[in-house]
N, C-alpha and C. Protein backbone atom coordinates (compact mmCIF):
# COMPACT_ATOMS: atom_id res chain seq x y z
N UNK A 1 15.46 -18.93 12.52
CA UNK A 1 15.34 -17.50 12.24
C UNK A 1 15.47 -17.27 10.74
N UNK A 2 14.52 -16.52 10.17
CA UNK A 2 14.56 -16.27 8.73
C UNK A 2 15.61 -15.22 8.40
N UNK A 3 16.10 -15.31 7.19
CA UNK A 3 17.14 -14.39 6.72
C UNK A 3 16.51 -13.51 5.66
N UNK A 4 16.56 -12.21 5.83
CA UNK A 4 15.87 -11.29 4.94
C UNK A 4 16.85 -10.55 4.04
N UNK A 5 16.34 -9.91 2.97
CA UNK A 5 17.20 -9.09 2.12
C UNK A 5 17.88 -7.96 2.90
N UNK A 6 17.21 -7.45 3.94
CA UNK A 6 17.82 -6.39 4.76
C UNK A 6 19.04 -6.95 5.49
N UNK A 7 18.93 -8.18 5.98
CA UNK A 7 20.08 -8.82 6.64
C UNK A 7 21.26 -8.92 5.67
N UNK A 8 20.96 -9.29 4.43
CA UNK A 8 22.01 -9.41 3.42
C UNK A 8 22.65 -8.04 3.14
N UNK A 9 21.80 -7.02 3.04
CA UNK A 9 22.32 -5.67 2.79
C UNK A 9 23.17 -5.18 3.96
N UNK A 10 22.74 -5.48 5.19
CA UNK A 10 23.52 -5.08 6.37
C UNK A 10 24.87 -5.80 6.38
N UNK A 11 24.86 -7.06 5.99
CA UNK A 11 26.11 -7.84 5.94
C UNK A 11 27.07 -7.18 4.94
N UNK A 12 26.53 -6.79 3.79
CA UNK A 12 27.36 -6.12 2.78
C UNK A 12 27.90 -4.80 3.32
N UNK A 13 27.02 -4.04 4.00
CA UNK A 13 27.44 -2.74 4.52
C UNK A 13 28.53 -2.91 5.58
N UNK A 14 28.36 -3.90 6.44
CA UNK A 14 29.36 -4.14 7.51
C UNK A 14 30.73 -4.48 6.94
N UNK A 15 30.74 -5.00 5.71
CA UNK A 15 32.01 -5.36 5.08
C UNK A 15 32.73 -4.16 4.45
N UNK A 16 32.03 -3.02 4.39
CA UNK A 16 32.67 -1.82 3.83
C UNK A 16 33.84 -1.39 4.71
N UNK A 17 34.84 -0.82 4.11
CA UNK A 17 35.95 -0.25 4.87
C UNK A 17 35.47 1.04 5.54
N UNK A 18 36.17 1.48 6.60
CA UNK A 18 35.80 2.76 7.24
C UNK A 18 35.76 3.92 6.25
N UNK A 19 36.65 3.91 5.28
CA UNK A 19 36.68 4.99 4.29
C UNK A 19 35.41 4.99 3.44
N UNK A 20 34.99 3.80 3.02
CA UNK A 20 33.78 3.71 2.20
C UNK A 20 32.56 4.13 3.03
N UNK A 21 32.51 3.70 4.30
CA UNK A 21 31.37 4.07 5.14
C UNK A 21 31.27 5.58 5.33
N UNK A 22 32.39 6.26 5.31
CA UNK A 22 32.40 7.72 5.48
C UNK A 22 32.19 8.47 4.16
N UNK A 23 32.19 7.74 3.06
CA UNK A 23 31.98 8.39 1.76
C UNK A 23 30.51 8.74 1.58
N UNK A 24 30.22 9.51 0.55
CA UNK A 24 28.83 9.88 0.23
C UNK A 24 27.97 8.63 0.07
N UNK A 25 28.47 7.68 -0.72
CA UNK A 25 27.69 6.47 -0.99
C UNK A 25 27.56 5.59 0.25
N UNK A 26 28.57 5.58 1.07
CA UNK A 26 28.49 4.81 2.31
C UNK A 26 27.43 5.39 3.24
N UNK A 27 27.41 6.71 3.36
CA UNK A 27 26.42 7.36 4.21
C UNK A 27 25.01 7.19 3.65
N UNK A 28 24.89 7.25 2.31
CA UNK A 28 23.59 7.04 1.68
C UNK A 28 23.10 5.61 1.92
N UNK A 29 24.03 4.66 1.87
CA UNK A 29 23.67 3.26 2.14
C UNK A 29 23.19 3.08 3.57
N UNK A 30 23.88 3.72 4.51
CA UNK A 30 23.51 3.61 5.93
C UNK A 30 22.12 4.22 6.16
N UNK A 31 21.85 5.35 5.51
CA UNK A 31 20.55 5.98 5.67
C UNK A 31 19.43 5.11 5.10
N UNK A 32 19.69 4.52 3.93
CA UNK A 32 18.69 3.66 3.31
C UNK A 32 18.43 2.43 4.17
N UNK A 33 19.48 1.82 4.70
CA UNK A 33 19.32 0.66 5.58
C UNK A 33 18.49 1.01 6.81
N UNK A 34 18.74 2.19 7.37
CA UNK A 34 17.99 2.63 8.54
C UNK A 34 16.50 2.79 8.21
N UNK A 35 16.22 3.37 7.05
CA UNK A 35 14.83 3.54 6.64
C UNK A 35 14.15 2.20 6.40
N UNK A 36 14.87 1.27 5.77
CA UNK A 36 14.31 -0.05 5.49
C UNK A 36 14.05 -0.83 6.78
N UNK A 37 14.96 -0.72 7.73
CA UNK A 37 14.78 -1.42 9.01
C UNK A 37 13.56 -0.90 9.76
N UNK A 38 13.32 0.41 9.66
CA UNK A 38 12.20 1.03 10.39
C UNK A 38 10.85 0.55 9.88
N UNK A 39 10.80 0.07 8.63
CA UNK A 39 9.52 -0.38 8.07
C UNK A 39 9.55 -1.86 7.70
N UNK A 40 10.45 -2.60 8.32
CA UNK A 40 10.54 -4.03 8.04
C UNK A 40 9.32 -4.77 8.60
N UNK A 41 8.93 -5.83 7.92
CA UNK A 41 7.84 -6.67 8.41
C UNK A 41 8.20 -7.16 9.81
N UNK A 42 7.25 -7.05 10.72
CA UNK A 42 7.48 -7.44 12.10
C UNK A 42 7.79 -6.28 13.02
N UNK A 43 8.09 -5.11 12.44
CA UNK A 43 8.37 -3.92 13.24
C UNK A 43 7.08 -3.13 13.47
N UNK A 44 7.10 -2.31 14.52
CA UNK A 44 5.99 -1.39 14.74
C UNK A 44 5.98 -0.36 13.61
N UNK A 45 4.82 -0.15 13.02
CA UNK A 45 4.72 0.84 11.95
C UNK A 45 5.00 2.23 12.50
N UNK A 46 5.78 3.03 11.80
CA UNK A 46 5.98 4.41 12.24
C UNK A 46 4.64 5.15 12.28
N UNK A 47 4.55 6.18 13.11
CA UNK A 47 3.34 7.00 13.15
C UNK A 47 3.14 7.65 11.79
N UNK A 48 1.88 7.82 11.42
CA UNK A 48 1.57 8.48 10.15
C UNK A 48 0.23 9.19 10.26
N UNK A 49 0.04 10.12 9.36
CA UNK A 49 -1.23 10.84 9.23
C UNK A 49 -1.61 10.88 7.76
N UNK A 50 -2.89 10.68 7.48
CA UNK A 50 -3.40 10.76 6.11
C UNK A 50 -4.56 11.74 6.06
N UNK A 51 -4.53 12.64 5.10
CA UNK A 51 -5.64 13.56 4.86
C UNK A 51 -6.50 12.96 3.77
N UNK A 52 -7.75 12.68 4.09
CA UNK A 52 -8.64 11.98 3.18
C UNK A 52 -9.39 12.94 2.27
N UNK A 53 -9.90 12.42 1.18
CA UNK A 53 -10.59 13.26 0.20
C UNK A 53 -11.91 13.80 0.72
N UNK A 54 -12.44 13.21 1.80
CA UNK A 54 -13.69 13.73 2.37
C UNK A 54 -13.44 14.86 3.37
N UNK A 55 -12.18 15.26 3.50
CA UNK A 55 -11.85 16.38 4.38
C UNK A 55 -11.44 15.98 5.79
N UNK A 56 -11.54 14.69 6.11
CA UNK A 56 -11.15 14.22 7.44
C UNK A 56 -9.69 13.78 7.43
N UNK A 57 -9.16 13.58 8.62
CA UNK A 57 -7.78 13.14 8.79
C UNK A 57 -7.76 11.91 9.68
N UNK A 58 -6.92 10.96 9.34
CA UNK A 58 -6.76 9.77 10.18
C UNK A 58 -5.28 9.59 10.48
N UNK A 59 -5.00 8.90 11.58
CA UNK A 59 -3.62 8.61 11.96
C UNK A 59 -3.53 7.14 12.36
N UNK A 60 -2.34 6.70 12.59
CA UNK A 60 -2.10 5.31 12.99
C UNK A 60 -2.95 4.93 14.22
N UNK A 61 -3.03 5.84 15.19
CA UNK A 61 -3.76 5.54 16.42
C UNK A 61 -5.24 5.26 16.19
N UNK A 62 -5.81 5.77 15.10
CA UNK A 62 -7.23 5.56 14.81
C UNK A 62 -7.54 4.11 14.49
N UNK A 63 -6.51 3.33 14.21
CA UNK A 63 -6.74 1.94 13.79
C UNK A 63 -6.29 0.93 14.84
N UNK A 64 -6.06 1.39 16.05
CA UNK A 64 -5.70 0.46 17.13
C UNK A 64 -6.80 -0.59 17.28
N UNK A 65 -6.38 -1.83 17.39
CA UNK A 65 -7.35 -2.92 17.55
C UNK A 65 -7.97 -3.39 16.25
N UNK A 66 -7.54 -2.81 15.11
CA UNK A 66 -8.07 -3.20 13.81
C UNK A 66 -6.92 -3.54 12.86
N UNK A 67 -7.25 -4.30 11.85
CA UNK A 67 -6.32 -4.49 10.75
C UNK A 67 -6.50 -3.31 9.79
N UNK A 68 -5.40 -2.82 9.25
CA UNK A 68 -5.46 -1.74 8.28
C UNK A 68 -4.73 -2.17 7.01
N UNK A 69 -5.42 -2.04 5.89
CA UNK A 69 -4.82 -2.31 4.59
C UNK A 69 -4.79 -1.00 3.81
N UNK A 70 -3.58 -0.50 3.55
CA UNK A 70 -3.42 0.67 2.69
C UNK A 70 -3.17 0.15 1.28
N UNK A 71 -4.02 0.58 0.37
CA UNK A 71 -4.03 0.06 -1.00
C UNK A 71 -3.65 1.20 -1.96
N UNK A 72 -2.43 1.13 -2.49
CA UNK A 72 -1.95 2.14 -3.43
C UNK A 72 -2.35 1.69 -4.83
N UNK A 73 -3.30 2.40 -5.41
CA UNK A 73 -3.87 1.98 -6.69
C UNK A 73 -3.81 3.11 -7.71
N UNK A 74 -4.05 2.76 -8.96
CA UNK A 74 -4.04 3.77 -10.00
C UNK A 74 -4.35 3.17 -11.35
N UNK A 75 -4.03 3.92 -12.37
CA UNK A 75 -4.34 3.53 -13.74
C UNK A 75 -3.28 2.57 -14.26
N UNK A 76 -3.42 1.31 -13.88
CA UNK A 76 -2.49 0.29 -14.37
C UNK A 76 -3.22 -1.04 -14.44
N UNK A 77 -2.79 -1.94 -15.31
CA UNK A 77 -3.46 -3.24 -15.43
C UNK A 77 -3.53 -4.01 -14.11
N UNK A 78 -2.45 -3.94 -13.31
CA UNK A 78 -2.44 -4.67 -12.04
C UNK A 78 -3.53 -4.20 -11.10
N UNK A 79 -3.72 -2.89 -11.01
CA UNK A 79 -4.78 -2.34 -10.15
C UNK A 79 -6.15 -2.77 -10.66
N UNK A 80 -6.35 -2.68 -11.97
CA UNK A 80 -7.66 -3.05 -12.52
C UNK A 80 -7.96 -4.53 -12.31
N UNK A 81 -6.91 -5.35 -12.35
CA UNK A 81 -7.11 -6.78 -12.18
C UNK A 81 -7.45 -7.15 -10.74
N UNK A 82 -6.75 -6.55 -9.77
CA UNK A 82 -6.93 -6.97 -8.39
C UNK A 82 -8.03 -6.19 -7.66
N UNK A 83 -8.46 -5.09 -8.25
CA UNK A 83 -9.43 -4.22 -7.57
C UNK A 83 -10.69 -4.96 -7.11
N UNK A 84 -11.30 -5.82 -7.93
CA UNK A 84 -12.49 -6.54 -7.45
C UNK A 84 -12.20 -7.43 -6.24
N UNK A 85 -10.98 -7.96 -6.15
CA UNK A 85 -10.62 -8.80 -5.00
C UNK A 85 -10.48 -7.96 -3.73
N UNK A 86 -9.93 -6.75 -3.89
CA UNK A 86 -9.82 -5.86 -2.73
C UNK A 86 -11.22 -5.47 -2.26
N UNK A 87 -12.09 -5.17 -3.22
CA UNK A 87 -13.47 -4.81 -2.89
C UNK A 87 -14.18 -5.96 -2.17
N UNK A 88 -13.96 -7.18 -2.65
CA UNK A 88 -14.58 -8.35 -2.01
C UNK A 88 -14.06 -8.55 -0.59
N UNK A 89 -12.75 -8.35 -0.40
CA UNK A 89 -12.16 -8.49 0.94
C UNK A 89 -12.76 -7.46 1.89
N UNK A 90 -12.88 -6.24 1.41
CA UNK A 90 -13.47 -5.17 2.22
C UNK A 90 -14.92 -5.50 2.56
N UNK A 91 -15.67 -5.97 1.57
CA UNK A 91 -17.06 -6.31 1.80
C UNK A 91 -17.24 -7.41 2.84
N UNK A 92 -16.28 -8.32 2.87
CA UNK A 92 -16.37 -9.46 3.79
C UNK A 92 -15.94 -9.11 5.21
N UNK A 93 -14.90 -8.25 5.33
CA UNK A 93 -14.32 -8.03 6.66
C UNK A 93 -14.50 -6.62 7.20
N UNK A 94 -15.05 -5.71 6.42
CA UNK A 94 -15.36 -4.39 6.97
C UNK A 94 -16.43 -4.57 8.05
N UNK A 95 -16.22 -3.97 9.19
CA UNK A 95 -17.13 -4.18 10.31
C UNK A 95 -16.76 -5.39 11.14
N UNK A 96 -15.75 -6.13 10.69
CA UNK A 96 -15.26 -7.29 11.43
C UNK A 96 -13.78 -7.14 11.78
N UNK A 97 -13.32 -5.90 11.78
CA UNK A 97 -11.94 -5.67 12.19
C UNK A 97 -11.00 -5.22 11.10
N UNK A 98 -11.50 -4.97 9.87
CA UNK A 98 -10.64 -4.51 8.79
C UNK A 98 -11.03 -3.11 8.35
N UNK A 99 -10.03 -2.25 8.22
CA UNK A 99 -10.21 -0.95 7.58
C UNK A 99 -9.32 -0.92 6.34
N UNK A 100 -9.81 -0.27 5.30
CA UNK A 100 -9.03 -0.10 4.07
C UNK A 100 -8.96 1.40 3.77
N UNK A 101 -7.79 1.86 3.41
CA UNK A 101 -7.60 3.23 2.94
C UNK A 101 -6.98 3.14 1.55
N UNK A 102 -7.63 3.77 0.58
CA UNK A 102 -7.07 3.85 -0.76
C UNK A 102 -6.10 5.01 -0.85
N UNK A 103 -5.03 4.83 -1.57
CA UNK A 103 -4.04 5.88 -1.78
C UNK A 103 -3.75 5.95 -3.27
N UNK A 104 -4.05 7.09 -3.89
CA UNK A 104 -3.86 7.22 -5.33
C UNK A 104 -3.37 8.62 -5.65
N UNK A 105 -2.91 8.80 -6.88
CA UNK A 105 -2.31 10.08 -7.24
C UNK A 105 -3.34 11.20 -7.29
N UNK A 106 -4.37 11.04 -8.11
CA UNK A 106 -5.38 12.09 -8.24
C UNK A 106 -6.67 11.46 -8.74
N UNK A 107 -7.71 11.50 -7.93
CA UNK A 107 -8.99 10.93 -8.33
C UNK A 107 -9.60 11.74 -9.47
N UNK A 108 -9.42 13.06 -9.46
CA UNK A 108 -9.95 13.88 -10.55
C UNK A 108 -9.32 13.52 -11.89
N UNK A 109 -8.00 13.30 -11.90
CA UNK A 109 -7.34 12.91 -13.14
C UNK A 109 -7.82 11.54 -13.60
N UNK A 110 -8.03 10.64 -12.65
CA UNK A 110 -8.53 9.31 -12.96
C UNK A 110 -9.95 9.42 -13.53
N UNK A 111 -10.76 10.29 -12.93
CA UNK A 111 -12.14 10.49 -13.40
C UNK A 111 -12.15 11.07 -14.82
N UNK A 112 -11.28 12.04 -15.09
CA UNK A 112 -11.20 12.62 -16.43
C UNK A 112 -10.80 11.57 -17.45
N UNK A 113 -9.88 10.69 -17.06
CA UNK A 113 -9.49 9.60 -17.95
C UNK A 113 -10.68 8.69 -18.24
N UNK A 114 -11.42 8.35 -17.18
CA UNK A 114 -12.56 7.45 -17.31
C UNK A 114 -13.62 8.01 -18.25
N UNK A 115 -13.84 9.31 -18.15
CA UNK A 115 -14.87 9.94 -19.00
C UNK A 115 -14.51 9.88 -20.47
N UNK A 116 -13.21 9.76 -20.79
CA UNK A 116 -12.78 9.69 -22.17
C UNK A 116 -12.77 8.28 -22.76
N UNK A 117 -13.06 7.27 -21.94
CA UNK A 117 -13.06 5.88 -22.44
C UNK A 117 -14.40 5.60 -23.12
N UNK A 118 -14.39 5.14 -24.37
CA UNK A 118 -15.65 4.81 -25.04
C UNK A 118 -16.35 3.62 -24.34
N UNK A 119 -17.68 3.62 -24.36
CA UNK A 119 -18.45 2.51 -23.82
C UNK A 119 -18.06 1.22 -24.53
N UNK A 120 -17.95 0.14 -23.76
CA UNK A 120 -17.67 -1.16 -24.34
C UNK A 120 -16.20 -1.41 -24.67
N UNK A 121 -15.32 -0.45 -24.33
CA UNK A 121 -13.88 -0.67 -24.57
C UNK A 121 -13.41 -1.84 -23.73
N UNK A 122 -12.45 -2.57 -24.26
CA UNK A 122 -11.97 -3.75 -23.54
C UNK A 122 -10.47 -3.70 -23.33
N UNK A 123 -10.02 -4.43 -22.32
CA UNK A 123 -8.60 -4.64 -22.07
C UNK A 123 -8.41 -6.15 -21.99
N UNK A 124 -8.23 -6.76 -23.13
CA UNK A 124 -8.19 -8.22 -23.20
C UNK A 124 -6.99 -8.80 -22.48
N UNK A 125 -5.93 -8.00 -22.33
CA UNK A 125 -4.72 -8.52 -21.69
C UNK A 125 -4.96 -8.92 -20.24
N UNK A 126 -5.97 -8.33 -19.60
CA UNK A 126 -6.27 -8.70 -18.21
C UNK A 126 -7.71 -9.19 -18.06
N UNK A 127 -8.33 -9.52 -19.17
CA UNK A 127 -9.65 -10.13 -19.11
C UNK A 127 -10.77 -9.20 -18.71
N UNK A 128 -10.64 -7.91 -19.01
CA UNK A 128 -11.71 -6.97 -18.68
C UNK A 128 -12.50 -6.68 -19.95
N UNK A 129 -13.76 -7.14 -19.98
CA UNK A 129 -14.58 -6.94 -21.17
C UNK A 129 -14.99 -5.48 -21.33
N UNK A 130 -15.26 -4.80 -20.24
CA UNK A 130 -15.68 -3.41 -20.30
C UNK A 130 -14.76 -2.56 -19.43
N UNK A 131 -13.78 -1.96 -20.08
CA UNK A 131 -12.78 -1.17 -19.36
C UNK A 131 -13.42 0.02 -18.65
N UNK A 132 -14.35 0.69 -19.31
CA UNK A 132 -15.00 1.86 -18.71
C UNK A 132 -15.74 1.47 -17.43
N UNK A 133 -16.41 0.33 -17.44
CA UNK A 133 -17.15 -0.13 -16.25
C UNK A 133 -16.20 -0.40 -15.09
N UNK A 134 -15.05 -1.02 -15.38
CA UNK A 134 -14.10 -1.34 -14.33
C UNK A 134 -13.51 -0.05 -13.73
N UNK A 135 -13.12 0.88 -14.60
CA UNK A 135 -12.55 2.13 -14.12
C UNK A 135 -13.58 2.91 -13.30
N UNK A 136 -14.83 2.89 -13.74
CA UNK A 136 -15.90 3.57 -13.00
C UNK A 136 -16.08 2.95 -11.62
N UNK A 137 -16.00 1.62 -11.54
CA UNK A 137 -16.06 0.95 -10.23
C UNK A 137 -14.94 1.44 -9.32
N UNK A 138 -13.76 1.59 -9.89
CA UNK A 138 -12.60 2.01 -9.09
C UNK A 138 -12.78 3.44 -8.57
N UNK A 139 -13.56 4.23 -9.28
CA UNK A 139 -13.83 5.60 -8.83
C UNK A 139 -14.89 5.65 -7.74
N UNK A 140 -15.50 4.50 -7.47
CA UNK A 140 -16.56 4.43 -6.46
C UNK A 140 -16.23 3.39 -5.40
N UNK A 141 -14.98 3.39 -4.95
CA UNK A 141 -14.59 2.48 -3.88
C UNK A 141 -15.43 2.73 -2.64
N UNK A 142 -15.76 1.69 -1.89
CA UNK A 142 -16.56 1.88 -0.68
C UNK A 142 -15.76 2.36 0.53
N UNK A 143 -14.45 2.41 0.41
CA UNK A 143 -13.60 2.84 1.52
C UNK A 143 -13.15 4.28 1.34
N UNK A 144 -12.48 4.82 2.33
CA UNK A 144 -11.96 6.19 2.28
C UNK A 144 -10.72 6.24 1.38
N UNK A 145 -10.52 7.40 0.78
CA UNK A 145 -9.40 7.58 -0.14
C UNK A 145 -8.52 8.75 0.29
N UNK A 146 -7.25 8.67 -0.09
CA UNK A 146 -6.29 9.76 0.12
C UNK A 146 -5.49 9.92 -1.16
N UNK A 147 -5.09 11.15 -1.46
CA UNK A 147 -4.32 11.42 -2.67
C UNK A 147 -2.88 11.77 -2.32
N UNK A 148 -1.95 11.24 -3.10
CA UNK A 148 -0.54 11.49 -2.81
C UNK A 148 -0.13 12.93 -3.08
N UNK A 149 -0.99 13.69 -3.76
CA UNK A 149 -0.69 15.09 -4.00
C UNK A 149 -0.69 15.92 -2.73
N UNK A 150 -1.34 15.43 -1.68
CA UNK A 150 -1.34 16.14 -0.40
C UNK A 150 0.00 15.89 0.30
N UNK A 151 0.67 16.94 0.79
CA UNK A 151 2.01 16.76 1.38
C UNK A 151 2.06 15.72 2.50
N UNK A 152 1.05 15.69 3.37
CA UNK A 152 1.06 14.73 4.47
C UNK A 152 0.96 13.30 3.95
N UNK A 153 0.18 13.11 2.90
CA UNK A 153 0.02 11.78 2.32
C UNK A 153 1.28 11.33 1.59
N UNK A 154 1.93 12.27 0.92
CA UNK A 154 3.18 11.95 0.25
C UNK A 154 4.26 11.60 1.27
N UNK A 155 4.23 12.30 2.39
CA UNK A 155 5.18 11.99 3.47
C UNK A 155 4.98 10.57 3.97
N UNK A 156 3.72 10.16 4.12
CA UNK A 156 3.43 8.78 4.56
C UNK A 156 3.90 7.78 3.51
N UNK A 157 3.62 8.08 2.24
CA UNK A 157 4.07 7.19 1.16
C UNK A 157 5.59 7.07 1.16
N UNK A 158 6.27 8.19 1.38
CA UNK A 158 7.73 8.17 1.41
C UNK A 158 8.25 7.38 2.62
N UNK A 159 7.61 7.58 3.77
CA UNK A 159 8.04 6.87 4.99
C UNK A 159 8.00 5.36 4.79
N UNK A 160 6.91 4.88 4.18
CA UNK A 160 6.73 3.44 3.99
C UNK A 160 7.27 2.95 2.64
N UNK A 161 7.90 3.87 1.90
CA UNK A 161 8.46 3.55 0.59
C UNK A 161 7.41 2.88 -0.31
N UNK A 162 6.23 3.47 -0.31
CA UNK A 162 5.14 2.97 -1.15
C UNK A 162 5.36 3.49 -2.55
N UNK A 163 5.57 2.58 -3.48
CA UNK A 163 5.76 2.96 -4.87
C UNK A 163 5.29 1.82 -5.75
N UNK A 164 5.01 2.13 -6.98
CA UNK A 164 4.52 1.08 -7.87
C UNK A 164 3.05 0.81 -7.61
N UNK A 165 2.42 0.15 -8.58
CA UNK A 165 0.98 -0.12 -8.51
C UNK A 165 0.69 -1.55 -8.94
N UNK A 166 -0.24 -2.21 -8.29
CA UNK A 166 -0.81 -1.87 -6.98
C UNK A 166 0.14 -2.30 -5.87
N UNK A 167 0.19 -1.53 -4.81
CA UNK A 167 1.07 -1.82 -3.69
C UNK A 167 0.23 -1.83 -2.43
N UNK A 168 0.56 -2.75 -1.51
CA UNK A 168 -0.23 -2.91 -0.29
C UNK A 168 0.65 -2.84 0.94
N UNK A 169 0.14 -2.17 1.95
CA UNK A 169 0.76 -2.13 3.28
C UNK A 169 -0.29 -2.65 4.25
N UNK A 170 0.04 -3.73 4.96
CA UNK A 170 -0.91 -4.39 5.86
C UNK A 170 -0.38 -4.29 7.29
N UNK A 171 -1.16 -3.62 8.14
CA UNK A 171 -0.77 -3.36 9.53
C UNK A 171 -1.74 -4.07 10.46
N UNK A 172 -1.19 -4.74 11.48
CA UNK A 172 -2.01 -5.51 12.41
C UNK A 172 -2.65 -4.65 13.50
N UNK A 173 -3.55 -5.26 14.28
CA UNK A 173 -4.26 -4.54 15.34
C UNK A 173 -3.35 -3.91 16.39
N UNK A 174 -2.14 -4.46 16.55
CA UNK A 174 -1.19 -3.91 17.53
C UNK A 174 -0.22 -2.93 16.89
N UNK A 175 -0.45 -2.58 15.62
CA UNK A 175 0.41 -1.61 14.94
C UNK A 175 1.62 -2.21 14.27
N UNK A 176 1.72 -3.53 14.26
CA UNK A 176 2.86 -4.20 13.62
C UNK A 176 2.66 -4.30 12.11
N UNK A 177 3.73 -4.07 11.37
CA UNK A 177 3.69 -4.26 9.92
C UNK A 177 3.67 -5.77 9.65
N UNK A 178 2.59 -6.24 9.03
CA UNK A 178 2.44 -7.67 8.76
C UNK A 178 2.86 -8.03 7.34
N UNK A 179 2.73 -7.09 6.41
CA UNK A 179 3.13 -7.35 5.02
C UNK A 179 3.22 -6.02 4.29
N UNK A 180 4.11 -5.96 3.33
CA UNK A 180 4.19 -4.80 2.43
C UNK A 180 4.82 -5.28 1.13
N UNK A 181 4.08 -5.11 0.06
CA UNK A 181 4.54 -5.65 -1.22
C UNK A 181 3.46 -5.36 -2.25
N UNK A 182 3.66 -5.92 -3.43
CA UNK A 182 2.64 -5.82 -4.46
C UNK A 182 1.56 -6.86 -4.14
N UNK A 183 1.06 -7.60 -5.11
CA UNK A 183 -0.04 -8.54 -4.85
C UNK A 183 0.22 -9.53 -3.72
N UNK A 184 1.46 -10.03 -3.53
CA UNK A 184 1.67 -10.98 -2.42
C UNK A 184 1.24 -10.45 -1.06
N UNK A 185 1.39 -9.15 -0.82
CA UNK A 185 0.97 -8.58 0.47
C UNK A 185 -0.55 -8.61 0.60
N UNK A 186 -1.25 -8.41 -0.50
CA UNK A 186 -2.71 -8.50 -0.45
C UNK A 186 -3.13 -9.92 -0.08
N UNK A 187 -2.53 -10.91 -0.72
CA UNK A 187 -2.92 -12.29 -0.44
C UNK A 187 -2.51 -12.71 0.98
N UNK A 188 -1.44 -12.13 1.49
CA UNK A 188 -1.07 -12.38 2.89
C UNK A 188 -2.15 -11.81 3.80
N UNK A 189 -2.64 -10.61 3.48
CA UNK A 189 -3.71 -10.00 4.27
C UNK A 189 -4.96 -10.87 4.24
N UNK A 190 -5.29 -11.36 3.07
CA UNK A 190 -6.48 -12.20 2.91
C UNK A 190 -6.37 -13.47 3.74
N UNK A 191 -5.22 -14.12 3.68
CA UNK A 191 -5.01 -15.35 4.45
C UNK A 191 -5.05 -15.07 5.96
N UNK A 192 -4.44 -13.97 6.37
CA UNK A 192 -4.43 -13.61 7.80
C UNK A 192 -5.85 -13.38 8.31
N UNK A 193 -6.64 -12.66 7.55
CA UNK A 193 -8.02 -12.38 7.96
C UNK A 193 -8.86 -13.66 8.01
N UNK A 194 -8.63 -14.56 7.06
CA UNK A 194 -9.36 -15.83 7.07
C UNK A 194 -9.04 -16.64 8.32
N UNK A 195 -7.77 -16.58 8.75
CA UNK A 195 -7.35 -17.34 9.92
C UNK A 195 -7.79 -16.69 11.24
N UNK A 196 -7.74 -15.38 11.29
CA UNK A 196 -7.99 -14.70 12.57
C UNK A 196 -9.42 -14.23 12.75
N UNK A 197 -10.07 -13.86 11.64
CA UNK A 197 -11.43 -13.34 11.75
C UNK A 197 -12.44 -14.41 11.36
N UNK A 198 -12.07 -15.25 10.41
CA UNK A 198 -12.96 -16.34 9.99
C UNK A 198 -13.31 -16.23 8.54
N UNK A 199 -13.77 -17.35 7.99
CA UNK A 199 -14.15 -17.40 6.57
C UNK A 199 -15.55 -16.89 6.37
């Protein structure tokens, strides 16, 4: 049986005295542990609803029998670096059991930023010769998008503690959380799809 950081945190919490457990910080710790346990890898994902930018709404039940990758992306080097890999994964497995939902702060703000980038600008730190081209690609993802500015979407992000960029939540066909993390969760999703759906 594997030992997780949540197990370690629970062990620490169990060692608290009754007085500490009843204190503000003790109660806050108990609440945080409860939230973390509810979204632990291997658990059933809590129900959620996302309002998409095309005006439609999706929920957890819409993805029964499919893999779902929620991709939290934005204006950061990590997102720009991994975005082509996410696009390639979608291209390979969309229609073969994979759905992807993008989750970002504001597509309009991202678009306004993109329009201000001079042609031919580069980001050498992550090997992007044409920054404007990469950002423009990100504005034209082939999958559905949701913005965290919508209250329902922010609620989902809060439920799954989605923060930081890029962040991935990978849910299996039976609704089980298979991975949640930064890039490692994406590569876990890629390996899982290669094994279960095929190369």
